[in-house]
C-alpha atoms as a PDB file:
ATOM      1  CA  MET A   1      -0.139  -0.117   0.104  1.00  0.00           C
ATOM      2  CA  LYS A   2       0.774   3.605  -0.651  1.00  0.00           C
ATOM      3  CA  PHE A   3      -0.175   6.349   1.380  1.00  0.00           C
ATOM      4  CA  THR A   4      -0.847  10.184   0.112  1.00  0.00           C
ATOM      5  CA  GLU A   5      -0.278  13.570   2.495  1.00  0.00           C
ATOM      6  CA  GLU A   6      -3.764  13.758   2.235  1.00  0.00           C
ATOM      7  CA  HIS A   7      -4.109  10.754   4.280  1.00  0.00           C
ATOM      8  CA  GLU A   8      -5.349   8.994   1.553  1.00  0.00           C
ATOM      9  CA  TRP A   9      -4.489   4.898   1.115  1.00  0.00           C
ATOM     10  CA  LEU A  10      -3.383   3.229  -2.330  1.00  0.00           C
ATOM     11  CA  ARG A  11      -3.881  -0.044  -3.225  1.00  0.00           C
ATOM     12  CA  VAL A  12      -3.010  -2.080  -6.142  1.00  0.00           C
ATOM     13  CA  GLU A  13      -4.985  -4.819  -7.058  1.00  0.00           C
ATOM     14  CA  GLY A  14      -4.747  -6.236 -10.942  1.00  0.00           C
ATOM     15  CA  ASP A  15      -5.152  -3.432 -13.566  1.00  0.00           C
ATOM     16  CA  VAL A  16      -6.659  -0.860 -11.019  1.00  0.00           C
ATOM     17  CA  VAL A  17      -5.796   0.841  -7.899  1.00  0.00           C
ATOM     18  CA  VAL A  18      -8.341   1.343  -4.799  1.00  0.00           C
ATOM     19  CA  VAL A  19      -8.528   4.750  -2.971  1.00  0.00           C
ATOM     20  CA  GLY A  20      -9.684   5.047   0.502  1.00  0.00           C
ATOM     21  CA  VAL A  21      -8.770   7.481   3.848  1.00  0.00           C
ATOM     22  CA  THR A  22      -6.656   6.255   6.454  1.00  0.00           C
ATOM     23  CA  ALA A  23      -7.865   5.309   9.774  1.00  0.00           C
ATOM     24  CA  HIS A  24      -6.083   8.224  11.097  1.00  0.00           C
ATOM     25  CA  ALA A  25      -7.931  10.475   8.741  1.00  0.00           C
ATOM     26  CA  ALA A  26     -11.197   8.797   9.581  1.00  0.00           C
ATOM     27  CA  GLU A  27     -10.239   9.338  13.317  1.00  0.00           C
ATOM     28  CA  GLN A  28      -9.580  13.157  12.532  1.00  0.00           C
ATOM     29  CA  LEU A  29     -12.962  13.431  10.607  1.00  0.00           C
ATOM     30  CA  GLY A  30     -15.039  12.265  13.637  1.00  0.00           C
ATOM     31  CA  ASP A  31     -18.286  10.512  12.923  1.00  0.00           C
ATOM     32  CA  VAL A  32     -18.480  10.638   9.168  1.00  0.00           C
ATOM     33  CA  VAL A  33     -22.334  11.262   8.199  1.00  0.00           C
ATOM     34  CA  PHE A  34     -22.394  11.567   4.181  1.00  0.00           C
ATOM     35  CA  VAL A  35     -20.166  10.375   1.700  1.00  0.00           C
ATOM     36  CA  GLU A  36     -20.491  11.668  -2.338  1.00  0.00           C
ATOM     37  CA  LEU A  37     -19.278   9.544  -4.824  1.00  0.00           C
ATOM     38  CA  PRO A  38     -17.557  10.122  -8.003  1.00  0.00           C
ATOM     39  CA  GLU A  39     -19.667   8.889 -11.168  1.00  0.00           C
ATOM     40  CA  VAL A  40     -18.471   5.437 -12.814  1.00  0.00           C
ATOM     41  CA  ASP A  41     -16.770   6.182 -16.290  1.00  0.00           C
ATOM     42  CA  THR A  42     -15.578   9.605 -15.259  1.00  0.00           C
ATOM     43  CA  GLU A  43     -11.779  10.628 -16.490  1.00  0.00           C
ATOM     44  CA  VAL A  44      -9.792  12.468 -13.673  1.00  0.00           C
ATOM     45  CA  THR A  45      -6.561  14.053 -13.300  1.00  0.00           C
ATOM     46  CA  LYS A  46      -4.289  13.924 -10.447  1.00  0.00           C
ATOM     47  CA  ASP A  47      -5.186  16.434  -7.769  1.00  0.00           C
ATOM     48  CA  ASP A  48      -8.977  16.492  -9.221  1.00  0.00           C
ATOM     49  CA  GLU A  49     -11.751  16.791  -6.296  1.00  0.00           C
ATOM     50  CA  VAL A  50     -13.352  13.538  -6.660  1.00  0.00           C
ATOM     51  CA  CYS A  51     -15.289  12.772  -3.745  1.00  0.00           C
ATOM     52  CA  VAL A  52     -16.706  14.814  -0.704  1.00  0.00           C
ATOM     53  CA  ILE A  53     -16.887  13.311   2.828  1.00  0.00           C
ATOM     54  CA  GLU A  54     -18.588  15.143   5.520  1.00  0.00           C
ATOM     55  CA  SER A  55     -18.786  14.646   8.888  1.00  0.00           C
ATOM     56  CA  VAL A  56     -19.846  15.964  12.158  1.00  0.00           C
ATOM     57  CA  LYS A  57     -16.909  17.979  12.473  1.00  0.00           C
ATOM     58  CA  ALA A  58     -16.031  19.184   9.161  1.00  0.00           C
ATOM     59  CA  ALA A  59     -16.807  18.401   5.027  1.00  0.00           C
ATOM     60  CA  SER A  60     -13.710  16.910   3.408  1.00  0.00           C
ATOM     61  CA  ASP A  61     -12.285  16.399  -0.456  1.00  0.00           C
ATOM     62  CA  ILE A  62     -10.977  13.069  -1.763  1.00  0.00           C
ATOM     63  CA  LEU A  63      -8.760  14.099  -4.303  1.00  0.00           C
ATOM     64  CA  ALA A  64      -7.810  11.897  -7.083  1.00  0.00           C
ATOM     65  CA  PRO A  65      -4.048  10.416  -6.372  1.00  0.00           C
ATOM     66  CA  ILE A  66      -3.462   9.268 -10.207  1.00  0.00           C
ATOM     67  CA  ASP A  67      -4.818   9.959 -13.671  1.00  0.00           C
ATOM     68  CA  GLY A  68      -7.004   7.422 -14.919  1.00  0.00           C
ATOM     69  CA  GLU A  69     -10.432   6.465 -15.220  1.00  0.00           C
ATOM     70  CA  ILE A  70     -13.013   5.965 -12.092  1.00  0.00           C
ATOM     71  CA  VAL A  71     -14.453   2.132 -12.929  1.00  0.00           C
ATOM     72  CA  GLU A  72     -15.850   1.547  -9.506  1.00  0.00           C
ATOM     73  CA  VAL A  73     -17.459   3.188  -6.848  1.00  0.00           C
ATOM     74  CA  ASN A  74     -18.243   1.607  -3.223  1.00  0.00           C
ATOM     75  CA  GLU A  75     -22.125   2.341  -3.228  1.00  0.00           C
ATOM     76  CA  VAL A  76     -22.371   1.017   0.473  1.00  0.00           C
ATOM     77  CA  LEU A  77     -20.814   3.761   1.422  1.00  0.00           C
ATOM     78  CA  ALA A  78     -23.675   6.107   0.325  1.00  0.00           C
ATOM     79  CA  ASP A  79     -26.649   4.058   2.471  1.00  0.00           C
ATOM     80  CA  GLU A  80     -23.512   3.709   5.184  1.00  0.00           C
ATOM     81  CA  PRO A  81     -21.213   6.594   5.304  1.00  0.00           C
ATOM     82  CA  GLY A  82     -20.334   5.534   8.894  1.00  0.00           C
ATOM     83  CA  LYS A  83     -18.431   2.127   7.707  1.00  0.00           C
ATOM     84  CA  VAL A  84     -15.759   4.846   6.983  1.00  0.00           C
ATOM     85  CA  ASN A  85     -15.136   5.366  10.636  1.00  0.00           C
ATOM     86  CA  GLU A  86     -15.551   1.324  11.327  1.00  0.00           C
ATOM     87  CA  ASP A  87     -13.277  -0.033   8.583  1.00  0.00           C
ATOM     88  CA  PRO A  88     -11.443   2.490   6.907  1.00  0.00           C
ATOM     89  CA  ILE A  89      -8.581   0.229   5.330  1.00  0.00           C
ATOM     90  CA  GLY A  90     -11.152  -2.766   4.531  1.00  0.00           C
ATOM     91  CA  ASP A  91     -14.470  -2.007   3.339  1.00  0.00           C
ATOM     92  CA  ALA A  92     -14.712   1.448   3.300  1.00  0.00           C
ATOM     93  CA  TRP A  93     -13.074   1.772   0.029  1.00  0.00           C
ATOM     94  CA  PHE A  94     -14.145   4.854  -1.887  1.00  0.00           C
ATOM     95  CA  PHE A  95     -13.445   4.080  -5.413  1.00  0.00           C
ATOM     96  CA  LYS A  96     -11.176   2.060  -7.913  1.00  0.00           C
ATOM     97  CA  ILE A  97      -9.437   3.813 -10.944  1.00  0.00           C
ATOM     98  CA  LYS A  98      -7.844   2.302 -13.619  1.00  0.00           C
ATOM     99  CA  PRO A  99      -4.313   4.030 -14.075  1.00  0.00           C
ATOM    100  CA  ALA A 100      -3.515   6.337 -17.007  1.00  0.00           C
ATOM    101  CA  ASP A 101       0.219   5.883 -15.955  1.00  0.00           C
ATOM    102  CA  LEU A 102       1.176   3.500 -12.646  1.00  0.00           C
ATOM    103  CA  SER A 103       4.182   5.143 -12.100  1.00  0.00           C
ATOM    104  CA  GLN A 104       2.447   8.038 -10.544  1.00  0.00           C
ATOM    105  CA  MET A 105       2.462   5.633  -7.540  1.00  0.00           C
ATOM    106  CA  ASP A 106       6.425   5.807  -7.283  1.00  0.00           C
ATOM    107  CA  ASP A 107       5.724   9.533  -5.645  1.00  0.00           C
ATOM    108  CA  TYR A 108       3.643   8.341  -2.554  1.00  0.00           C
ATOM    109  CA  MET A 109       4.926   7.292   1.047  1.00  0.00           C
ATOM    110  CA  ASP A 110       4.871   3.527   2.071  1.00  0.00           C
ATOM    111  CA  GLU A 111       3.418   2.267   5.768  1.00  0.00           C
ATOM    112  CA  ALA A 112       6.392   3.426   7.637  1.00  0.00           C
ATOM    113  CA  ALA A 113       6.967   6.619   6.159  1.00  0.00           C
ATOM    114  CA  TYR A 114       3.122   7.388   6.391  1.00  0.00           C
ATOM    115  CA  ASN A 115       3.561   6.496  10.202  1.00  0.00           C
ATOM    116  CA  ASP A 116       6.286   9.053  10.370  1.00  0.00           C
ATOM    117  CA  PHE A 117       4.608  11.725   8.591  1.00  0.00           C
ATOM    118  CA  ILE A 118       1.757  11.434  11.395  1.00  0.00           C
ATOM    119  CA  GLY A 119       3.723  10.545  14.465  1.00  0.00           C
END
């Protein structure tokens, strides 16, 4: 897994990259009450705003970590946004993106570097 400074995690699964928020981010947000997901088949560019998360504390944007196409979204989060707090690294992924250039993943931190970053 890779991690961004925006507290997103990225996991390569076959020819797609699964994107979610870290446990640290979920903890900082507090209780998540709403998730707005992107549309499938949307072409995105790195740093485009693609999701909105609203919690009891704040609203936050999820940015596209890489260039590519959104190929799947986690519809469960629309009905059960609290899953982000319950299982941020597992069942609460936000979207899957088919990367235009997988080497963009090289720019992100591994788990040890991320732990130092939030430490």
